[in-house]
């Protein structure tokens, strides 16, 4: 990777917002091949979401270029809470819940980064050992309150108020960078644009305690907005999680495949490891053949494979293809629950029932006359099969363990009928 310029690649991908010392970092990378860089995440939940992928994709790119990524799990800072991006105080978690979250996040990050040339550390390792007097004497003395107040992350909270606890967070994050630089050989911190103040505070602390010539760099990532101006990472159903129990691989895949033409090239650059040439070719297809949605399909495939592996991707594609084609007979109950999670639902009893009565009783059809007409015209599919006889009996026991009947009306209108005993 000696001829690969990671910084130029990041610029092309639109992944750099601010740098504390762009020239110094470029020079360091020219002269060294041992850069270690880190990003932190607090264990405030038991799963990462795609917003976390934004900085982690940068770490992964550095890893693929031969550098050493480090992730800090905030076992210490997580007990307090980062005020960033919030208008109110966080609800503090107890130690047991934080520990459970730490274990879950560690598993997710190991899946993304593997175990080779990658390190996970917990800032409780050093923060838990600090006494209040040590904190004030060894670190607090180096921070000016007026400078801390002017940091964006704090300034935005002053009108509504901010506790001393959350106000102190930037000092703890600065201590993280200092400890990592001193004891783990980490030279760079990366984070979202809202982390700029915390990152520069860490660099200032390193220079005060270890000398102004100590190499320490910071890089932030642009706030990612969709073409309509809204924040990236949310769907109508809420956050898109990396945990397949919270967001199934199928739902994850669908999130990416449904991206706007105006956003898809930006996301290909940022969230995939495709080459410049491959992405440029897909960008051209967006212009010339947008109806094929080749770029979206590629984006969905690449990101789903990265997060959920080949197996997760295969399942997501199978469910997608089955629902698109109407061939749902081979889906498992679990796959049905994934694929039709957002579909309209109805309920019916477990006894076999005439198709016309079934459609009316489940309110899929408004009247028996309309039901008979749609059945005879071939518009009704039961569990993937077109049924055109008004004498057909819908028997829930014949498919999907007797739990569901899938009704399709027309080309794409699915209803998932839950069978109740």
Protein backbone atom coordinates (compact mmCIF):
# COMPACT_ATOMS: atom_id res chain seq x y z
CA UNK A 1 0.00 0.00 0.00
CA UNK A 2 3.09 2.24 -0.13
CA UNK A 3 1.85 4.18 -3.15
CA UNK A 4 -1.68 4.59 -1.78
CA UNK A 5 -2.41 8.09 -0.49
CA UNK A 6 -5.06 7.58 2.19
CA UNK A 7 -5.63 11.31 2.69
CA UNK A 8 -6.21 11.96 -1.01
CA UNK A 9 -8.61 9.02 -1.09
CA UNK A 10 -10.53 10.43 1.89
CA UNK A 11 -10.73 13.86 0.23
CA UNK A 12 -12.10 12.30 -2.96
CA UNK A 13 -14.71 10.48 -0.90
CA UNK A 14 -15.75 13.70 0.83
CA UNK A 15 -14.79 12.24 4.20
CA UNK A 16 -12.67 15.08 5.66
CA UNK A 17 -14.21 18.08 7.37
CA UNK A 18 -11.44 19.57 9.54
CA UNK A 19 -7.85 18.69 10.37
CA UNK A 20 -5.78 20.13 13.18
CA UNK A 21 -2.53 19.92 11.21
CA UNK A 22 -3.09 18.76 7.64
CA UNK A 23 0.49 19.38 6.53
CA UNK A 24 1.92 17.70 9.61
CA UNK A 25 -0.25 14.63 9.18
CA UNK A 26 0.59 14.32 5.47
CA UNK A 27 4.29 14.57 6.31
CA UNK A 28 3.98 12.01 9.09
CA UNK A 29 2.32 9.53 6.74
CA UNK A 30 5.04 10.08 4.15
CA UNK A 31 7.76 9.32 6.69
CA UNK A 32 6.10 6.63 8.83
CA UNK A 33 4.04 3.52 8.32
CA UNK A 34 3.05 3.04 11.96
CA UNK A 35 0.20 5.52 12.42
CA UNK A 36 -2.30 4.48 15.06
CA UNK A 37 -5.62 6.29 15.22
CA UNK A 38 -8.70 6.00 17.36
CA UNK A 39 -12.36 6.75 17.67
CA UNK A 40 -14.41 6.37 20.81
CA UNK A 41 -17.92 5.18 21.53
CA UNK A 42 -19.73 5.14 24.85
CA UNK A 43 -21.70 1.99 25.79
CA UNK A 44 -24.98 3.85 26.21
CA UNK A 45 -26.76 1.18 24.16
CA UNK A 46 -26.33 -2.50 23.35
CA UNK A 47 -25.88 -1.94 19.61
CA UNK A 48 -24.20 0.44 17.24
CA UNK A 49 -26.30 2.06 14.52
CA UNK A 50 -25.35 3.28 11.06
CA UNK A 51 -24.49 6.71 12.43
CA UNK A 52 -21.57 5.02 14.20
CA UNK A 53 -20.44 3.62 10.87
CA UNK A 54 -19.55 7.13 9.72
CA UNK A 55 -16.31 7.43 11.75
CA UNK A 56 -15.74 3.67 11.80
CA UNK A 57 -15.57 3.58 8.00
CA UNK A 58 -12.60 5.95 8.24
CA UNK A 59 -10.92 3.66 10.77
CA UNK A 60 -11.54 0.70 8.46
CA UNK A 61 -9.99 2.52 5.50
CA UNK A 62 -6.86 3.23 7.53
CA UNK A 63 -6.79 -0.42 8.61
CA UNK A 64 -6.99 -1.60 4.99
CA UNK A 65 -4.18 0.81 4.13
CA UNK A 66 -1.98 -0.92 6.72
CA UNK A 67 -2.40 1.42 9.69
CA UNK A 68 -3.52 0.53 13.21
CA UNK A 69 -7.08 1.41 14.30
CA UNK A 70 -8.01 1.57 17.97
CA UNK A 71 -11.54 1.84 19.33
CA UNK A 72 -12.10 3.18 22.81
CA UNK A 73 -15.16 1.88 24.60
CA UNK A 74 -16.15 4.49 27.14
CA UNK A 75 -16.61 2.36 30.21
CA UNK A 76 -15.60 5.45 32.18
CA UNK A 77 -17.08 8.26 30.12
CA UNK A 78 -20.22 6.20 29.52
CA UNK A 79 -21.12 6.58 33.19
CA UNK A 80 -21.39 10.34 32.58
CA UNK A 81 -22.57 10.89 29.02
CA UNK A 82 -21.38 13.07 26.19
CA UNK A 83 -23.47 16.27 25.95
CA UNK A 84 -22.84 16.39 22.20
CA UNK A 85 -25.95 16.78 20.06
CA UNK A 86 -28.30 16.80 23.02
CA UNK A 87 -30.46 19.48 24.59
CA UNK A 88 -31.03 17.63 27.86
CA UNK A 89 -29.00 15.58 30.31
CA UNK A 90 -28.52 11.90 29.60
CA UNK A 91 -30.14 9.29 31.81
CA UNK A 92 -27.27 7.63 33.66
CA UNK A 93 -26.97 3.85 33.33
CA UNK A 94 -26.03 1.48 36.14
CA UNK A 95 -22.76 -0.44 36.11
CA UNK A 96 -24.33 -3.78 35.17
CA UNK A 97 -26.12 -2.36 32.13
CA UNK A 98 -22.98 -0.53 30.99
CA UNK A 99 -20.99 -3.75 31.24
CA UNK A 100 -23.56 -5.68 29.21
CA UNK A 101 -23.45 -2.97 26.56
CA UNK A 102 -19.63 -3.06 26.51
CA UNK A 103 -19.69 -6.79 25.75
CA UNK A 104 -22.27 -6.36 22.97
CA UNK A 105 -20.42 -3.47 21.31
CA UNK A 106 -17.10 -5.30 21.50
CA UNK A 107 -18.57 -8.25 19.57
CA UNK A 108 -19.98 -5.94 16.91
CA UNK A 109 -16.70 -4.09 16.42
CA UNK A 110 -14.67 -7.29 16.25
CA UNK A 111 -17.02 -8.44 13.49
CA UNK A 112 -16.32 -5.24 11.52
CA UNK A 113 -12.58 -5.04 12.14
CA UNK A 114 -11.50 -8.61 12.84
CA UNK A 115 -8.74 -9.20 15.35
CA UNK A 116 -5.66 -8.57 13.19
CA UNK A 117 -4.00 -5.14 13.46
CA UNK A 118 -6.88 -3.85 15.56
CA UNK A 119 -7.29 -2.99 19.21
CA UNK A 120 -10.17 -2.29 21.58
CA UNK A 121 -9.46 -0.54 24.86
CA UNK A 122 -11.74 0.64 27.65
CA UNK A 123 -11.14 4.07 29.16
CA UNK A 124 -12.28 2.76 32.54
CA UNK A 125 -8.75 1.30 32.60
CA UNK A 126 -7.35 4.73 33.46
CA UNK A 127 -10.36 6.86 34.42
CA UNK A 128 -11.50 4.53 37.20
CA UNK A 129 -8.12 4.93 38.90
CA UNK A 130 -8.35 8.72 39.09
CA UNK A 131 -9.16 10.26 42.44
CA UNK A 132 -10.95 13.61 42.51
CA UNK A 133 -7.81 15.32 43.79
CA UNK A 134 -5.67 13.73 41.05
CA UNK A 135 -8.23 14.77 38.43
CA UNK A 136 -8.22 18.40 39.58
CA UNK A 137 -4.49 18.67 40.17
CA UNK A 138 -3.05 16.68 37.26
CA UNK A 139 -5.60 17.57 34.57
CA UNK A 140 -8.13 20.21 35.63
CA UNK A 141 -5.35 22.74 36.13
CA UNK A 142 -4.64 22.67 32.38
CA UNK A 143 -8.17 23.67 31.31
CA UNK A 144 -9.46 27.23 31.23
CA UNK A 145 -13.18 27.45 31.97
CA UNK A 146 -13.68 30.28 29.49
CA UNK A 147 -12.22 28.12 26.71
CA UNK A 148 -14.38 25.16 27.73
CA UNK A 149 -17.53 27.27 27.65
CA UNK A 150 -16.73 28.43 24.13
CA UNK A 151 -16.55 24.89 22.76
CA UNK A 152 -19.53 24.34 20.45
CA UNK A 153 -20.67 21.24 22.29
CA UNK A 154 -21.01 23.22 25.54
CA UNK A 155 -22.05 26.60 24.13
CA UNK A 156 -25.13 25.03 22.54
CA UNK A 157 -26.26 23.83 25.96
CA UNK A 158 -25.72 26.96 28.03
CA UNK A 159 -29.13 28.48 27.38
CA UNK A 160 -30.98 25.47 28.84
CA UNK A 161 -28.27 24.61 31.32
CA UNK A 162 -25.64 21.91 31.57
CA UNK A 163 -24.54 20.02 34.66
CA UNK A 164 -20.95 20.09 35.88
CA UNK A 165 -20.91 16.35 35.17
CA UNK A 166 -21.48 16.73 31.44
CA UNK A 167 -19.45 19.94 31.36
CA UNK A 168 -16.47 17.87 32.55
CA UNK A 169 -16.83 15.34 29.74
CA UNK A 170 -14.41 17.15 27.45
CA UNK A 171 -11.68 16.89 30.07
CA UNK A 172 -12.22 13.14 30.34
CA UNK A 173 -12.08 12.74 26.57
CA UNK A 174 -8.89 14.79 26.48
CA UNK A 175 -7.44 12.46 29.11
CA UNK A 176 -8.32 9.54 26.82
CA UNK A 177 -6.27 10.98 23.96
CA UNK A 178 -3.38 11.74 26.31
CA UNK A 179 -3.38 8.23 27.77
CA UNK A 180 -3.63 6.61 24.34
CA UNK A 181 -0.86 8.80 22.95
CA UNK A 182 1.42 8.14 25.92
CA UNK A 183 0.78 4.44 26.56
CA UNK A 184 -0.66 3.01 23.32
CA UNK A 185 1.26 4.99 20.68
CA UNK A 186 -1.88 6.57 19.22
CA UNK A 187 -1.16 9.71 17.21
CA UNK A 188 -4.58 10.64 15.83
CA UNK A 189 -8.18 10.94 16.94
CA UNK A 190 -11.08 11.03 14.52
CA UNK A 191 -14.71 11.88 15.17
CA UNK A 192 -17.80 13.63 13.90
CA UNK A 193 -17.80 17.37 13.29
CA UNK A 194 -19.38 17.87 16.72
CA UNK A 195 -16.27 16.36 18.33
CA UNK A 196 -13.86 19.05 17.12
CA UNK A 197 -13.69 20.81 20.48
CA UNK A 198 -13.07 17.57 22.37
CA UNK A 199 -10.37 16.51 19.92
CA UNK A 200 -8.49 19.82 20.08
CA UNK A 201 -8.74 19.76 23.88
CA UNK A 202 -6.99 16.39 23.83
CA UNK A 203 -4.21 17.63 21.57
CA UNK A 204 -3.71 20.70 23.78
CA UNK A 205 -3.41 18.47 26.84
CA UNK A 206 -0.88 16.20 25.13
CA UNK A 207 1.25 19.21 24.18
CA UNK A 208 1.06 20.68 27.68
CA UNK A 209 2.04 17.43 29.40
CA UNK A 210 4.41 15.93 26.84
CA UNK A 211 5.81 18.88 24.92
CA UNK A 212 4.67 20.95 21.96
CA UNK A 213 6.60 18.76 19.52
CA UNK A 214 4.70 15.63 20.50
CA UNK A 215 2.92 14.32 17.39
CA UNK A 216 -0.83 14.37 17.82
CA UNK A 217 -3.41 14.95 15.10
CA UNK A 218 -7.15 15.36 14.84
CA UNK A 219 -9.53 14.81 11.94
CA UNK A 220 -13.28 15.30 11.82
CA UNK A 221 -15.85 14.02 9.38
CA UNK A 222 -18.53 16.18 7.76
CA UNK A 223 -22.05 16.07 9.10
CA UNK A 224 -23.82 13.72 6.73
CA UNK A 225 -27.07 15.13 5.40
CA UNK A 226 -29.45 13.72 2.84
CA UNK A 227 -30.29 15.65 -0.31
CA UNK A 228 -33.50 16.90 1.32
CA UNK A 229 -31.50 18.45 4.15
CA UNK A 230 -32.46 15.93 6.85
CA UNK A 231 -29.94 14.02 8.92
CA UNK A 232 -28.67 10.74 7.50
CA UNK A 233 -29.22 7.52 9.40
CA UNK A 234 -32.88 7.45 10.32
CA UNK A 235 -35.78 5.65 8.71
CA UNK A 236 -39.51 5.91 9.27
CA UNK A 237 -39.14 3.12 11.82
CA UNK A 238 -36.30 4.79 13.73
CA UNK A 239 -32.59 4.04 13.90
CA UNK A 240 -30.96 1.47 11.59
CA UNK A 241 -29.08 -0.81 13.97
CA UNK A 242 -26.13 -3.09 13.25
CA UNK A 243 -27.56 -5.75 15.55
CA UNK A 244 -29.55 -8.15 13.31
CA UNK A 245 -32.01 -8.70 16.16
CA UNK A 246 -32.88 -4.98 16.15
CA UNK A 247 -32.68 -4.37 12.39
CA UNK A 248 -32.76 -7.54 10.30
CA UNK A 249 -30.33 -7.93 7.40
CA UNK A 250 -33.32 -7.59 5.07
CA UNK A 251 -34.43 -4.28 6.64
CA UNK A 252 -30.81 -3.11 6.61
CA UNK A 253 -30.50 -4.00 2.92
CA UNK A 254 -33.77 -2.25 2.11
CA UNK A 255 -32.62 0.93 3.83
CA UNK A 256 -29.67 1.21 1.45
CA UNK A 257 -31.44 0.06 -1.71
CA UNK A 258 -34.09 2.75 -1.25
CA UNK A 259 -31.66 5.68 -1.21
CA UNK A 260 -32.35 8.71 -3.39
CA UNK A 261 -30.49 9.07 -6.70
CA UNK A 262 -29.18 12.37 -5.37
CA UNK A 263 -27.48 10.66 -2.41
CA UNK A 264 -26.41 7.27 -3.68
CA UNK A 265 -23.04 8.26 -5.19
CA UNK A 266 -22.07 10.08 -1.99
CA UNK A 267 -22.91 6.96 0.01
CA UNK A 268 -21.02 4.70 -2.40
CA UNK A 269 -17.95 6.83 -1.85
CA UNK A 270 -18.35 6.84 1.88
CA UNK A 271 -19.73 3.44 2.86
CA UNK A 272 -18.15 1.08 0.33
CA UNK A 273 -14.63 0.03 -0.49
CA UNK A 274 -15.18 0.13 -4.24
CA UNK A 275 -12.49 1.80 -6.33
CA UNK A 276 -12.79 5.31 -7.74
CA UNK A 277 -13.27 3.82 -11.20
CA UNK A 278 -16.08 1.51 -10.09
CA UNK A 279 -17.91 4.33 -8.34
CA UNK A 280 -17.46 6.70 -11.29
CA UNK A 281 -19.00 4.06 -13.54
CA UNK A 282 -21.97 3.65 -11.20
CA UNK A 283 -22.35 7.44 -11.04
CA UNK A 284 -22.63 7.50 -14.82
CA UNK A 285 -25.33 4.83 -14.69
CA UNK A 286 -27.30 6.96 -12.23
CA UNK A 287 -27.31 9.69 -14.87
CA UNK A 288 -28.04 7.55 -17.92
CA UNK A 289 -30.09 4.61 -16.58
CA UNK A 290 -31.53 5.66 -13.23
CA UNK A 291 -34.51 3.31 -13.54
CA UNK A 292 -32.20 0.29 -13.23
CA UNK A 293 -31.08 1.47 -9.75
CA UNK A 294 -27.78 -0.33 -10.25
CA UNK A 295 -25.99 2.05 -7.90
CA UNK A 296 -28.51 1.48 -5.12
CA UNK A 297 -28.35 -2.29 -5.53
CA UNK A 298 -24.57 -2.19 -5.39
CA UNK A 299 -24.61 0.06 -2.33
CA UNK A 300 -27.04 -2.23 -0.51
CA UNK A 301 -24.99 -5.29 -1.40
CA UNK A 302 -21.64 -3.85 -0.32
CA UNK A 303 -22.74 -2.36 3.00
CA UNK A 304 -24.89 -5.35 3.98
CA UNK A 305 -21.99 -7.70 3.24
CA UNK A 306 -19.63 -5.55 5.32
CA UNK A 307 -21.94 -5.47 8.35
CA UNK A 308 -23.75 -8.83 8.16
CA UNK A 309 -21.38 -10.96 6.10
CA UNK A 310 -22.10 -13.09 3.04
CA UNK A 311 -24.76 -15.09 4.88
CA UNK A 312 -26.70 -11.99 5.93
CA UNK A 313 -26.48 -10.58 2.42
CA UNK A 314 -27.68 -13.82 0.86
CA UNK A 315 -30.73 -13.90 3.12
CA UNK A 316 -31.54 -10.23 2.46
CA UNK A 317 -31.30 -10.76 -1.31
CA UNK A 318 -33.39 -13.93 -1.15
CA UNK A 319 -36.22 -12.22 0.75
CA UNK A 320 -36.04 -9.22 -1.59
CA UNK A 321 -36.18 -11.40 -4.71
CA UNK A 322 -39.00 -13.55 -3.30
CA UNK A 323 -41.20 -10.58 -2.45
CA UNK A 324 -40.45 -8.86 -5.76
CA UNK A 325 -41.27 -11.95 -7.81
CA UNK A 326 -44.15 -13.08 -5.59
CA UNK A 327 -42.51 -16.47 -5.09
CA UNK A 328 -42.85 -16.52 -1.31
CA UNK A 329 -43.45 -20.24 -0.80
CA UNK A 330 -39.84 -21.03 0.06
CA UNK A 331 -39.51 -18.34 2.72
CA UNK A 332 -39.20 -19.45 6.33
CA UNK A 333 -41.41 -18.04 9.07
CA UNK A 334 -38.48 -15.92 10.29
CA UNK A 335 -37.85 -14.57 6.80
CA UNK A 336 -41.53 -13.72 6.41
CA UNK A 337 -41.42 -11.81 9.67
CA UNK A 338 -38.43 -9.87 8.37
CA UNK A 339 -39.71 -9.19 4.89
CA UNK A 340 -43.28 -8.30 5.76
CA UNK A 341 -42.60 -6.51 9.03
CA UNK A 342 -43.90 -3.25 7.61
CA UNK A 343 -46.71 -4.74 5.51
CA UNK A 344 -50.39 -4.31 6.43
CA UNK A 345 -51.59 -7.06 8.77
CA UNK A 346 -54.85 -8.81 9.53
CA UNK A 347 -56.02 -11.68 11.70
CA UNK A 348 -57.95 -14.87 11.02
CA UNK A 349 -58.79 -18.10 12.77
CA UNK A 350 -57.01 -21.39 12.10
CA UNK A 351 -59.97 -23.10 10.43
CA UNK A 352 -60.06 -23.44 6.65
CA UNK A 353 -62.30 -20.83 5.04
CA UNK A 354 -63.67 -20.05 1.59
CA UNK A 355 -61.42 -17.55 -0.18
CA UNK A 356 -64.15 -14.95 -0.67
CA UNK A 357 -65.15 -15.06 3.00
CA UNK A 358 -61.49 -15.03 4.03
CA UNK A 359 -60.74 -11.87 2.01
CA UNK A 360 -63.78 -10.02 3.35
CA UNK A 361 -63.33 -11.15 6.99
CA UNK A 362 -59.71 -9.96 6.97
CA UNK A 363 -60.84 -6.67 5.34
CA UNK A 364 -58.48 -7.21 2.39
CA UNK A 365 -61.58 -6.83 0.24
CA UNK A 366 -64.42 -4.43 1.01
CA UNK A 367 -67.22 -6.70 -0.21
CA UNK A 368 -67.93 -10.21 -1.43
CA UNK A 369 -68.70 -8.85 -4.87
CA UNK A 370 -65.28 -7.18 -5.09
CA UNK A 371 -63.58 -10.27 -3.68
CA UNK A 372 -65.20 -12.56 -6.27
CA UNK A 373 -64.26 -10.16 -9.05
CA UNK A 374 -60.61 -9.90 -8.00
CA UNK A 375 -60.26 -13.65 -7.54
CA UNK A 376 -61.77 -14.44 -10.94
CA UNK A 377 -59.62 -11.75 -12.61
CA UNK A 378 -56.43 -13.34 -11.22
CA UNK A 379 -55.53 -10.47 -8.89
CA UNK A 380 -55.35 -12.58 -5.71
CA UNK A 381 -52.40 -14.74 -4.65
CA UNK A 382 -52.46 -16.94 -1.54
CA UNK A 383 -49.02 -17.91 -0.22
CA UNK A 384 -47.50 -17.20 -3.62
CA UNK A 385 -50.05 -19.06 -5.76
CA UNK A 386 -52.62 -17.31 -7.92
CA UNK A 387 -56.07 -18.53 -6.98
CA UNK A 388 -58.87 -17.88 -9.50
CA UNK A 389 -61.58 -20.18 -8.17
CA UNK A 390 -64.14 -18.64 -5.86
CA UNK A 391 -64.58 -22.12 -4.37
CA UNK A 392 -60.94 -22.29 -3.19
CA UNK A 393 -60.48 -22.90 0.53
CA UNK A 394 -57.75 -21.03 2.40
CA UNK A 395 -56.26 -23.52 4.85
CA UNK A 396 -53.71 -21.88 7.18
CA UNK A 397 -52.35 -25.27 8.27
CA UNK A 398 -50.85 -25.90 4.81
CA UNK A 399 -48.03 -23.34 4.99
CA UNK A 400 -45.67 -21.42 7.28
CA UNK A 401 -46.23 -23.67 10.31
CA UNK A 402 -49.84 -22.52 10.43
CA UNK A 403 -48.76 -19.11 11.70
CA UNK A 404 -49.36 -16.94 8.63
CA UNK A 405 -51.21 -16.63 5.36
CA UNK A 406 -49.63 -14.26 2.84
CA UNK A 407 -52.12 -12.54 0.57
CA UNK A 408 -50.95 -10.57 -2.44
CA UNK A 409 -53.37 -8.38 -4.32
CA UNK A 410 -52.07 -7.22 -7.67
CA UNK A 411 -48.35 -6.90 -8.27
CA UNK A 412 -46.97 -5.71 -4.92
CA UNK A 413 -49.73 -5.22 -2.34
CA UNK A 414 -49.02 -7.75 0.41
CA UNK A 415 -51.05 -8.40 3.55
CA UNK A 416 -49.69 -10.62 6.28
CA UNK A 417 -52.54 -12.49 7.96
CA UNK A 418 -51.72 -13.67 11.47
CA UNK A 419 -53.43 -16.93 12.34
CA UNK A 420 -54.95 -17.12 15.81
CA UNK A 421 -56.12 -20.35 17.42
